[in-house]
Structure formats: structure tokens, C-alpha cells
Amino acid sequence: MNLDDIPLTTIDGEPTSLAAYADQVKLIVNVASRCGLAPQYTKLEELQRTYGERGFTVLGFPSNQFLQELSSAEAIKEFCSLTYGVTFPMFEKVKVNGRSQHPLYAELTKTPDAHGKAGKVTWNFEKFLVTPEGTVHRFRPKTEPDAPEIVQLIEASLPVG
């Protein structure tokens, strides 16, 4: 299945898909406001501000799969905006694992991490970097958004110019 064809819904309830970001380097992250890793929002926003005008975007997918996300879209938006100044696109809450797993995550989780392990999302803030060509790279939750392996991949995948 082509990732661009999977229907998505923004945090404001608007239908969309990854096709809206087809020419961009995308960092897809399952986020959670009450997670101990939530300070990663700061580095995600820094990446957005650094590379956003060059063809990169962070895409945040709130998930309560690990029981650490706020209950409403409004609460999530307010928390992200006021606490971390988030400007990157956010989507409706999704399930990243299990029977009700969102189709996007059903596809993304087929990708192995640096240790060759595919399968379930292990925690909040797991990252999937998708190049404009559709190649998926997987980074586990404790890998910081500005880790050298992520930044190098972003820079190598951006359009020249």
C-alpha cells in the first residue's frame, strides 16, 4: 500500500492524506502530552523551524495507546501550543498497535529499526522518517529528534537548492 493513499484526519477534523506532503521529508511521530518523553516536542519543533522551509515537516499523531494522552483534540492542541509552541501539523488521535491500529501505522511498523526489529510501536515518540521517494526509516522512542542519524538523513533527503 502507498503511504500517500492512506486517509488521515487532521486534529481539526479535516480529511487529508500524506499526499499533501508528497514532496517533503516527513518525520511521523506518535506523541503523548503526559509522557516523560514529551520534552521531545521542543526538539521536534526546532527541526520544523530549521528545515520546514526547505521541504521537511514533522507530523504529530497523538495516541493514547500507552494511556498518556489528553482526552480531547482541543486539550491536545492547547497543550502543544502553549507548552511547546508546536507549529507542525497534528492529526486526530490514532491507535498505533493492536486490532484497531490505524492503517498508516500498520504500514509504518513493517519497517525495521537500526537493529532489524520491525513490529509494534514500543512507546510514545517512536519516529518514522519518510523520504520524498517513500523510503521509511525507523527510530525508537528514546532516539532524540535531533540525533545525528536523524539530522543527517533529513539533510541528505532534502531537495538540493
N, C-alpha and C. Protein backbone atom coordinates (compact mmCIF):
# COMPACT_ATOMS: atom_id res chain seq x y z
N MET A 1 0.85 -1.19 0.00
CA MET A 1 0.00 0.00 0.00
C MET A 1 0.89 1.25 0.00
N ASN A 2 0.51 2.24 -0.80
CA ASN A 2 1.24 3.50 -0.86
C ASN A 2 0.83 4.36 0.34
N LEU A 3 1.81 4.82 1.12
CA LEU A 3 1.52 5.63 2.31
C LEU A 3 0.70 6.87 1.97
N ASP A 4 0.95 7.45 0.79
CA ASP A 4 0.25 8.68 0.39
C ASP A 4 -1.25 8.48 0.22
N ASP A 5 -1.68 7.23 0.00
CA ASP A 5 -3.09 6.95 -0.28
C ASP A 5 -3.92 6.70 0.99
N ILE A 6 -3.28 6.59 2.13
CA ILE A 6 -4.00 6.26 3.36
C ILE A 6 -4.74 7.51 3.86
N PRO A 7 -6.05 7.41 4.05
CA PRO A 7 -6.81 8.56 4.54
C PRO A 7 -6.41 8.93 5.97
N LEU A 8 -6.25 10.22 6.20
CA LEU A 8 -5.91 10.74 7.52
C LEU A 8 -6.90 11.84 7.87
N THR A 9 -6.95 12.19 9.14
CA THR A 9 -7.79 13.29 9.60
C THR A 9 -6.94 14.19 10.48
N THR A 10 -6.96 15.49 10.19
CA THR A 10 -6.19 16.44 11.00
C THR A 10 -6.81 16.54 12.38
N ILE A 11 -6.08 17.16 13.30
CA ILE A 11 -6.58 17.34 14.66
C ILE A 11 -7.82 18.23 14.67
N ASP A 12 -8.02 19.01 13.60
CA ASP A 12 -9.21 19.85 13.47
C ASP A 12 -10.36 19.15 12.75
N GLY A 13 -10.19 17.85 12.43
CA GLY A 13 -11.26 17.07 11.83
C GLY A 13 -11.33 17.14 10.32
N GLU A 14 -10.30 17.71 9.68
CA GLU A 14 -10.29 17.82 8.21
C GLU A 14 -9.68 16.57 7.58
N PRO A 15 -10.33 16.03 6.53
CA PRO A 15 -9.74 14.87 5.86
C PRO A 15 -8.50 15.29 5.06
N THR A 16 -7.50 14.44 5.04
CA THR A 16 -6.28 14.68 4.29
C THR A 16 -5.58 13.35 4.08
N SER A 17 -4.34 13.41 3.59
CA SER A 17 -3.50 12.21 3.47
C SER A 17 -2.05 12.68 3.38
N LEU A 18 -1.15 11.73 3.37
CA LEU A 18 0.27 12.10 3.24
C LEU A 18 0.57 12.67 1.85
N ALA A 19 -0.33 12.48 0.90
CA ALA A 19 -0.14 13.06 -0.43
C ALA A 19 0.02 14.58 -0.35
N ALA A 20 -0.58 15.19 0.66
CA ALA A 20 -0.45 16.64 0.85
C ALA A 20 0.99 17.02 1.16
N TYR A 21 1.81 16.05 1.56
CA TYR A 21 3.21 16.29 1.91
C TYR A 21 4.14 15.46 1.02
N ALA A 22 3.67 15.10 -0.18
CA ALA A 22 4.35 14.13 -1.03
C ALA A 22 5.79 14.49 -1.35
N ASP A 23 6.09 15.75 -1.59
CA ASP A 23 7.45 16.13 -1.98
C ASP A 23 8.33 16.45 -0.79
N GLN A 24 7.85 16.19 0.41
CA GLN A 24 8.60 16.58 1.60
C GLN A 24 9.21 15.39 2.32
N VAL A 25 10.25 15.68 3.08
CA VAL A 25 10.78 14.72 4.04
C VAL A 25 9.86 14.81 5.25
N LYS A 26 9.32 13.67 5.67
CA LYS A 26 8.33 13.66 6.76
C LYS A 26 8.88 12.89 7.96
N LEU A 27 8.74 13.47 9.14
CA LEU A 27 9.07 12.77 10.37
C LEU A 27 7.76 12.54 11.11
N ILE A 28 7.27 11.31 11.03
CA ILE A 28 5.98 10.92 11.62
C ILE A 28 6.25 10.41 13.03
N VAL A 29 5.55 11.01 14.01
CA VAL A 29 5.82 10.70 15.41
C VAL A 29 4.50 10.48 16.15
N ASN A 30 4.40 9.38 16.90
CA ASN A 30 3.25 9.20 17.78
C ASN A 30 3.57 9.92 19.09
N VAL A 31 2.76 10.91 19.40
CA VAL A 31 3.03 11.81 20.52
C VAL A 31 2.02 11.60 21.66
N ALA A 32 2.42 12.03 22.86
CA ALA A 32 1.53 11.94 24.02
C ALA A 32 1.93 13.03 25.01
N SER A 33 0.97 13.84 25.37
CA SER A 33 1.20 15.03 26.18
C SER A 33 1.71 14.73 27.58
N ARG A 34 1.26 13.63 28.19
CA ARG A 34 1.63 13.35 29.57
C ARG A 34 2.78 12.35 29.69
N CYS A 35 3.48 12.13 28.61
CA CYS A 35 4.59 11.18 28.58
C CYS A 35 5.86 11.85 29.10
N GLY A 36 6.71 11.07 29.74
CA GLY A 36 8.00 11.58 30.17
C GLY A 36 8.88 12.01 29.01
N LEU A 37 8.58 11.54 27.82
CA LEU A 37 9.34 11.94 26.63
C LEU A 37 8.75 13.17 25.95
N ALA A 38 7.67 13.75 26.49
CA ALA A 38 7.04 14.92 25.89
C ALA A 38 8.00 16.09 25.64
N PRO A 39 9.07 16.27 26.44
CA PRO A 39 10.01 17.34 26.11
C PRO A 39 10.64 17.20 24.71
N GLN A 40 10.50 16.02 24.10
CA GLN A 40 10.95 15.88 22.71
C GLN A 40 10.19 16.82 21.77
N TYR A 41 9.01 17.27 22.18
CA TYR A 41 8.28 18.25 21.38
C TYR A 41 9.16 19.46 21.06
N THR A 42 9.99 19.88 22.01
CA THR A 42 10.87 21.04 21.80
C THR A 42 11.81 20.79 20.61
N LYS A 43 12.43 19.62 20.59
CA LYS A 43 13.37 19.32 19.50
C LYS A 43 12.64 19.06 18.19
N LEU A 44 11.45 18.49 18.26
CA LEU A 44 10.66 18.31 17.03
C LEU A 44 10.33 19.67 16.43
N GLU A 45 9.93 20.61 17.27
CA GLU A 45 9.60 21.96 16.79
C GLU A 45 10.86 22.65 16.26
N GLU A 46 12.01 22.44 16.88
CA GLU A 46 13.26 23.02 16.37
C GLU A 46 13.58 22.48 14.99
N LEU A 47 13.38 21.18 14.78
CA LEU A 47 13.58 20.60 13.44
C LEU A 47 12.63 21.24 12.44
N GLN A 48 11.36 21.41 12.84
CA GLN A 48 10.36 22.02 11.96
C GLN A 48 10.81 23.43 11.55
N ARG A 49 11.26 24.20 12.51
CA ARG A 49 11.67 25.58 12.24
C ARG A 49 12.95 25.64 11.41
N THR A 50 13.86 24.70 11.64
CA THR A 50 15.13 24.68 10.92
C THR A 50 14.96 24.26 9.47
N TYR A 51 14.17 23.22 9.23
CA TYR A 51 14.10 22.62 7.90
C TYR A 51 12.76 22.80 7.19
N GLY A 52 11.77 23.36 7.88
CA GLY A 52 10.42 23.45 7.32
C GLY A 52 10.33 24.13 5.97
N GLU A 53 11.08 25.19 5.79
CA GLU A 53 11.01 25.92 4.51
C GLU A 53 11.83 25.26 3.42
N ARG A 54 12.56 24.22 3.78
CA ARG A 54 13.40 23.52 2.81
C ARG A 54 12.79 22.20 2.33
N GLY A 55 11.54 21.90 2.76
CA GLY A 55 10.90 20.68 2.27
C GLY A 55 10.82 19.57 3.30
N PHE A 56 10.71 19.94 4.57
CA PHE A 56 10.63 18.98 5.66
C PHE A 56 9.42 19.32 6.53
N THR A 57 8.79 18.30 7.09
CA THR A 57 7.74 18.55 8.09
C THR A 57 7.68 17.43 9.11
N VAL A 58 7.44 17.82 10.34
CA VAL A 58 7.10 16.87 11.40
C VAL A 58 5.59 16.68 11.31
N LEU A 59 5.12 15.46 11.49
CA LEU A 59 3.69 15.17 11.53
C LEU A 59 3.41 14.43 12.84
N GLY A 60 2.64 15.08 13.71
CA GLY A 60 2.37 14.53 15.03
C GLY A 60 1.05 13.77 15.07
N PHE A 61 1.12 12.54 15.55
CA PHE A 61 -0.06 11.69 15.68
C PHE A 61 -0.27 11.35 17.15
N PRO A 62 -1.12 12.11 17.84
CA PRO A 62 -1.40 11.79 19.24
C PRO A 62 -1.95 10.36 19.36
N SER A 63 -1.52 9.69 20.42
CA SER A 63 -2.02 8.35 20.67
C SER A 63 -2.15 8.15 22.18
N ASN A 64 -3.26 7.57 22.59
CA ASN A 64 -3.45 7.22 23.99
C ASN A 64 -3.20 5.74 24.21
N GLN A 65 -2.50 5.12 23.28
CA GLN A 65 -2.25 3.68 23.35
C GLN A 65 -1.52 3.31 24.65
N PHE A 66 -0.69 4.23 25.16
CA PHE A 66 0.06 3.95 26.37
C PHE A 66 -0.50 4.75 27.56
N LEU A 67 -1.74 5.22 27.40
CA LEU A 67 -2.52 5.89 28.46
C LEU A 67 -1.84 7.16 28.98
N GLN A 68 -1.27 7.94 28.04
CA GLN A 68 -0.57 9.15 28.44
C GLN A 68 -0.97 10.37 27.60
N GLU A 69 -2.08 10.30 26.90
CA GLU A 69 -2.52 11.43 26.09
C GLU A 69 -3.78 12.05 26.69
N LEU A 70 -3.93 13.34 26.46
CA LEU A 70 -5.10 14.06 26.95
C LEU A 70 -6.34 13.57 26.22
N SER A 71 -7.53 13.87 26.78
CA SER A 71 -8.75 13.26 26.26
C SER A 71 -9.30 13.89 25.00
N SER A 72 -9.13 15.20 24.81
CA SER A 72 -9.76 15.84 23.64
C SER A 72 -8.74 16.48 22.71
N ALA A 73 -9.13 16.62 21.46
CA ALA A 73 -8.29 17.29 20.47
C ALA A 73 -7.98 18.71 20.92
N GLU A 74 -8.97 19.39 21.49
CA GLU A 74 -8.77 20.77 21.95
C GLU A 74 -7.71 20.83 23.04
N ALA A 75 -7.76 19.90 23.99
CA ALA A 75 -6.78 19.87 25.08
C ALA A 75 -5.38 19.58 24.55
N ILE A 76 -5.29 18.67 23.60
CA ILE A 76 -4.00 18.33 22.99
C ILE A 76 -3.43 19.54 22.26
N LYS A 77 -4.25 20.19 21.45
CA LYS A 77 -3.80 21.37 20.70
C LYS A 77 -3.32 22.46 21.65
N GLU A 78 -4.10 22.72 22.69
CA GLU A 78 -3.75 23.77 23.64
C GLU A 78 -2.44 23.44 24.36
N PHE A 79 -2.30 22.20 24.81
CA PHE A 79 -1.08 21.78 25.49
C PHE A 79 0.14 21.95 24.57
N CYS A 80 0.04 21.45 23.33
CA CYS A 80 1.17 21.51 22.41
C CYS A 80 1.54 22.95 22.07
N SER A 81 0.55 23.77 21.87
CA SER A 81 0.78 25.16 21.51
C SER A 81 1.36 25.96 22.67
N LEU A 82 0.71 25.87 23.82
CA LEU A 82 1.13 26.69 24.96
C LEU A 82 2.40 26.18 25.63
N THR A 83 2.58 24.88 25.70
CA THR A 83 3.72 24.32 26.41
C THR A 83 4.97 24.25 25.54
N TYR A 84 4.79 23.90 24.25
CA TYR A 84 5.94 23.67 23.39
C TYR A 84 5.96 24.52 22.12
N GLY A 85 4.96 25.37 21.92
CA GLY A 85 4.94 26.23 20.74
C GLY A 85 4.87 25.47 19.43
N VAL A 86 4.20 24.33 19.44
CA VAL A 86 4.13 23.47 18.27
C VAL A 86 3.43 24.17 17.10
N THR A 87 4.10 24.16 15.95
CA THR A 87 3.51 24.71 14.72
C THR A 87 3.33 23.64 13.65
N PHE A 88 3.95 22.48 13.84
CA PHE A 88 3.86 21.44 12.80
C PHE A 88 2.47 20.80 12.82
N PRO A 89 2.08 20.18 11.69
CA PRO A 89 0.74 19.58 11.59
C PRO A 89 0.53 18.47 12.62
N MET A 90 -0.67 18.48 13.20
CA MET A 90 -1.08 17.45 14.14
C MET A 90 -2.34 16.77 13.59
N PHE A 91 -2.53 15.53 13.97
CA PHE A 91 -3.64 14.73 13.46
C PHE A 91 -4.50 14.23 14.62
N GLU A 92 -5.63 13.62 14.26
CA GLU A 92 -6.50 13.07 15.29
C GLU A 92 -5.79 11.93 16.00
N LYS A 93 -6.27 11.62 17.20
CA LYS A 93 -5.69 10.51 17.97
C LYS A 93 -5.85 9.22 17.17
N VAL A 94 -4.79 8.40 17.19
CA VAL A 94 -4.80 7.12 16.48
C VAL A 94 -4.31 6.01 17.40
N LYS A 95 -4.65 4.79 17.02
CA LYS A 95 -4.08 3.61 17.66
C LYS A 95 -2.87 3.19 16.82
N VAL A 96 -1.73 2.99 17.50
CA VAL A 96 -0.51 2.64 16.78
C VAL A 96 -0.24 1.14 16.79
N ASN A 97 -0.96 0.41 17.61
CA ASN A 97 -0.81 -1.05 17.74
C ASN A 97 -2.18 -1.70 17.87
N GLY A 98 -2.20 -3.02 17.73
CA GLY A 98 -3.41 -3.79 18.04
C GLY A 98 -4.43 -3.89 16.92
N ARG A 99 -5.58 -4.43 17.29
CA ARG A 99 -6.64 -4.70 16.29
C ARG A 99 -7.17 -3.44 15.63
N SER A 100 -7.22 -2.34 16.36
CA SER A 100 -7.74 -1.09 15.80
C SER A 100 -6.62 -0.18 15.32
N GLN A 101 -5.46 -0.76 15.04
CA GLN A 101 -4.30 0.01 14.58
C GLN A 101 -4.65 0.81 13.33
N HIS A 102 -4.26 2.07 13.32
CA HIS A 102 -4.51 2.92 12.15
C HIS A 102 -3.75 2.34 10.95
N PRO A 103 -4.35 2.37 9.75
CA PRO A 103 -3.68 1.82 8.56
C PRO A 103 -2.29 2.42 8.31
N LEU A 104 -2.09 3.68 8.65
CA LEU A 104 -0.76 4.28 8.47
C LEU A 104 0.27 3.54 9.31
N TYR A 105 -0.09 3.27 10.56
CA TYR A 105 0.85 2.57 11.44
C TYR A 105 0.96 1.09 11.08
N ALA A 106 -0.07 0.51 10.50
CA ALA A 106 0.02 -0.87 10.01
C ALA A 106 1.12 -0.97 8.96
N GLU A 107 1.24 0.05 8.13
CA GLU A 107 2.29 0.08 7.11
C GLU A 107 3.65 0.46 7.70
N LEU A 108 3.68 1.53 8.50
CA LEU A 108 4.96 2.00 9.05
C LEU A 108 5.66 0.95 9.90
N THR A 109 4.89 0.20 10.69
CA THR A 109 5.51 -0.75 11.62
C THR A 109 6.09 -1.99 10.92
N LYS A 110 5.92 -2.10 9.61
CA LYS A 110 6.58 -3.16 8.85
C LYS A 110 8.07 -2.85 8.69
N THR A 111 8.44 -1.59 8.91
CA THR A 111 9.82 -1.16 8.74
C THR A 111 10.64 -1.51 9.98
N PRO A 112 11.79 -2.17 9.79
CA PRO A 112 12.64 -2.48 10.93
C PRO A 112 13.44 -1.26 11.39
N ASP A 113 13.83 -1.28 12.67
CA ASP A 113 14.68 -0.23 13.20
C ASP A 113 16.15 -0.55 12.87
N ALA A 114 17.09 0.19 13.45
CA ALA A 114 18.52 0.01 13.17
C ALA A 114 19.02 -1.38 13.60
N HIS A 115 18.29 -2.04 14.49
CA HIS A 115 18.68 -3.37 14.95
C HIS A 115 17.95 -4.47 14.20
N GLY A 116 17.20 -4.10 13.15
CA GLY A 116 16.50 -5.09 12.34
C GLY A 116 15.17 -5.54 12.90
N LYS A 117 14.67 -4.84 13.93
CA LYS A 117 13.42 -5.25 14.56
C LYS A 117 12.25 -4.41 14.04
N ALA A 118 11.28 -5.08 13.44
CA ALA A 118 10.05 -4.44 12.97
C ALA A 118 8.96 -4.74 14.00
N GLY A 119 7.72 -4.40 13.65
CA GLY A 119 6.62 -4.75 14.54
C GLY A 119 6.14 -3.59 15.38
N LYS A 120 5.54 -3.92 16.50
CA LYS A 120 4.83 -2.95 17.33
C LYS A 120 5.63 -1.70 17.67
N VAL A 121 4.89 -0.60 17.80
CA VAL A 121 5.45 0.62 18.36
C VAL A 121 5.65 0.33 19.85
N THR A 122 6.85 0.63 20.35
CA THR A 122 7.17 0.24 21.73
C THR A 122 6.75 1.27 22.77
N TRP A 123 6.61 2.55 22.37
CA TRP A 123 6.26 3.60 23.33
C TRP A 123 5.94 4.86 22.55
N ASN A 124 5.57 5.91 23.28
CA ASN A 124 5.33 7.21 22.65
C ASN A 124 6.62 7.76 22.06
N PHE A 125 6.46 8.61 21.07
CA PHE A 125 7.58 9.29 20.42
C PHE A 125 8.47 8.36 19.60
N GLU A 126 7.89 7.28 19.07
CA GLU A 126 8.60 6.49 18.06
C GLU A 126 8.55 7.30 16.77
N LYS A 127 9.64 7.30 16.01
CA LYS A 127 9.76 8.18 14.85
C LYS A 127 9.96 7.38 13.58
N PHE A 128 9.24 7.80 12.53
CA PHE A 128 9.40 7.22 11.21
C PHE A 128 9.73 8.35 10.25
N LEU A 129 10.93 8.32 9.69
CA LEU A 129 11.30 9.33 8.71
C LEU A 129 11.01 8.77 7.33
N VAL A 130 10.19 9.49 6.55
CA VAL A 130 9.79 9.05 5.22
C VAL A 130 10.36 10.04 4.22
N THR A 131 11.18 9.54 3.29
CA THR A 131 11.77 10.41 2.27
C THR A 131 10.73 10.71 1.19
N PRO A 132 10.98 11.73 0.36
CA PRO A 132 10.04 12.03 -0.73
C PRO A 132 9.84 10.83 -1.68
N GLU A 133 10.83 9.95 -1.76
CA GLU A 133 10.71 8.75 -2.62
C GLU A 133 9.90 7.65 -1.95
N GLY A 134 9.60 7.82 -0.65
CA GLY A 134 8.79 6.83 0.05
C GLY A 134 9.57 5.84 0.89
N THR A 135 10.89 6.01 0.99
CA THR A 135 11.69 5.13 1.84
C THR A 135 11.43 5.48 3.30
N VAL A 136 11.20 4.46 4.12
CA VAL A 136 10.88 4.66 5.54
C VAL A 136 12.07 4.23 6.39
N HIS A 137 12.43 5.07 7.37
CA HIS A 137 13.47 4.78 8.35
C HIS A 137 12.83 4.88 9.72
N ARG A 138 13.18 3.95 10.60
CA ARG A 138 12.52 3.88 11.91
C ARG A 138 13.50 4.16 13.04
N PHE A 139 13.04 4.98 13.98
CA PHE A 139 13.84 5.33 15.15
C PHE A 139 12.99 5.13 16.40
N ARG A 140 13.54 4.45 17.37
CA ARG A 140 12.80 4.13 18.59
C ARG A 140 12.63 5.38 19.47
N PRO A 141 11.70 5.32 20.44
CA PRO A 141 11.32 6.49 21.22
C PRO A 141 12.46 7.25 21.90
N LYS A 142 13.44 6.55 22.42
CA LYS A 142 14.50 7.26 23.15
C LYS A 142 15.51 7.93 22.23
N THR A 143 15.44 7.67 20.93
CA THR A 143 16.29 8.40 19.99
C THR A 143 15.75 9.81 19.91
N GLU A 144 16.57 10.78 20.30
CA GLU A 144 16.14 12.18 20.30
C GLU A 144 15.89 12.65 18.86
N PRO A 145 14.93 13.55 18.67
CA PRO A 145 14.63 14.04 17.32
C PRO A 145 15.82 14.68 16.61
N ASP A 146 16.76 15.25 17.39
CA ASP A 146 17.93 15.89 16.77
C ASP A 146 19.17 15.00 16.81
N ALA A 147 18.98 13.69 16.97
CA ALA A 147 20.11 12.76 16.95
C ALA A 147 20.80 12.85 15.60
N PRO A 148 22.13 12.69 15.57
CA PRO A 148 22.87 12.84 14.31
C PRO A 148 22.33 11.97 13.18
N GLU A 149 21.90 10.73 13.50
CA GLU A 149 21.42 9.85 12.43
C GLU A 149 20.12 10.37 11.81
N ILE A 150 19.31 11.06 12.58
CA ILE A 150 18.07 11.64 12.04
C ILE A 150 18.39 12.90 11.25
N VAL A 151 19.19 13.79 11.83
CA VAL A 151 19.52 15.05 11.15
C VAL A 151 20.24 14.78 9.83
N GLN A 152 21.19 13.85 9.82
CA GLN A 152 21.92 13.53 8.58
C GLN A 152 20.95 13.01 7.52
N LEU A 153 20.01 12.19 7.92
CA LEU A 153 19.03 11.64 6.98
C LEU A 153 18.12 12.75 6.44
N ILE A 154 17.68 13.66 7.31
CA ILE A 154 16.87 14.79 6.86
C ILE A 154 17.65 15.59 5.81
N GLU A 155 18.88 15.97 6.16
CA GLU A 155 19.67 16.81 5.27
C GLU A 155 19.96 16.11 3.94
N ALA A 156 20.23 14.80 3.98
CA ALA A 156 20.52 14.06 2.75
C ALA A 156 19.28 13.89 1.88
N SER A 157 18.09 13.97 2.49
CA SER A 157 16.85 13.73 1.75
C SER A 157 16.17 15.00 1.26
N LEU A 158 16.62 16.15 1.75
CA LEU A 158 16.01 17.42 1.33
C LEU A 158 16.34 17.72 -0.12
N PRO A 159 15.45 18.44 -0.81
CA PRO A 159 15.76 18.84 -2.18
C PRO A 159 17.00 19.73 -2.20
N VAL A 160 17.81 19.60 -3.24
CA VAL A 160 19.00 20.43 -3.37
C VAL A 160 18.57 21.83 -3.75
N GLY A 161 19.21 22.83 -3.14
CA GLY A 161 18.86 24.20 -3.51
C GLY A 161 18.83 25.01 -2.34
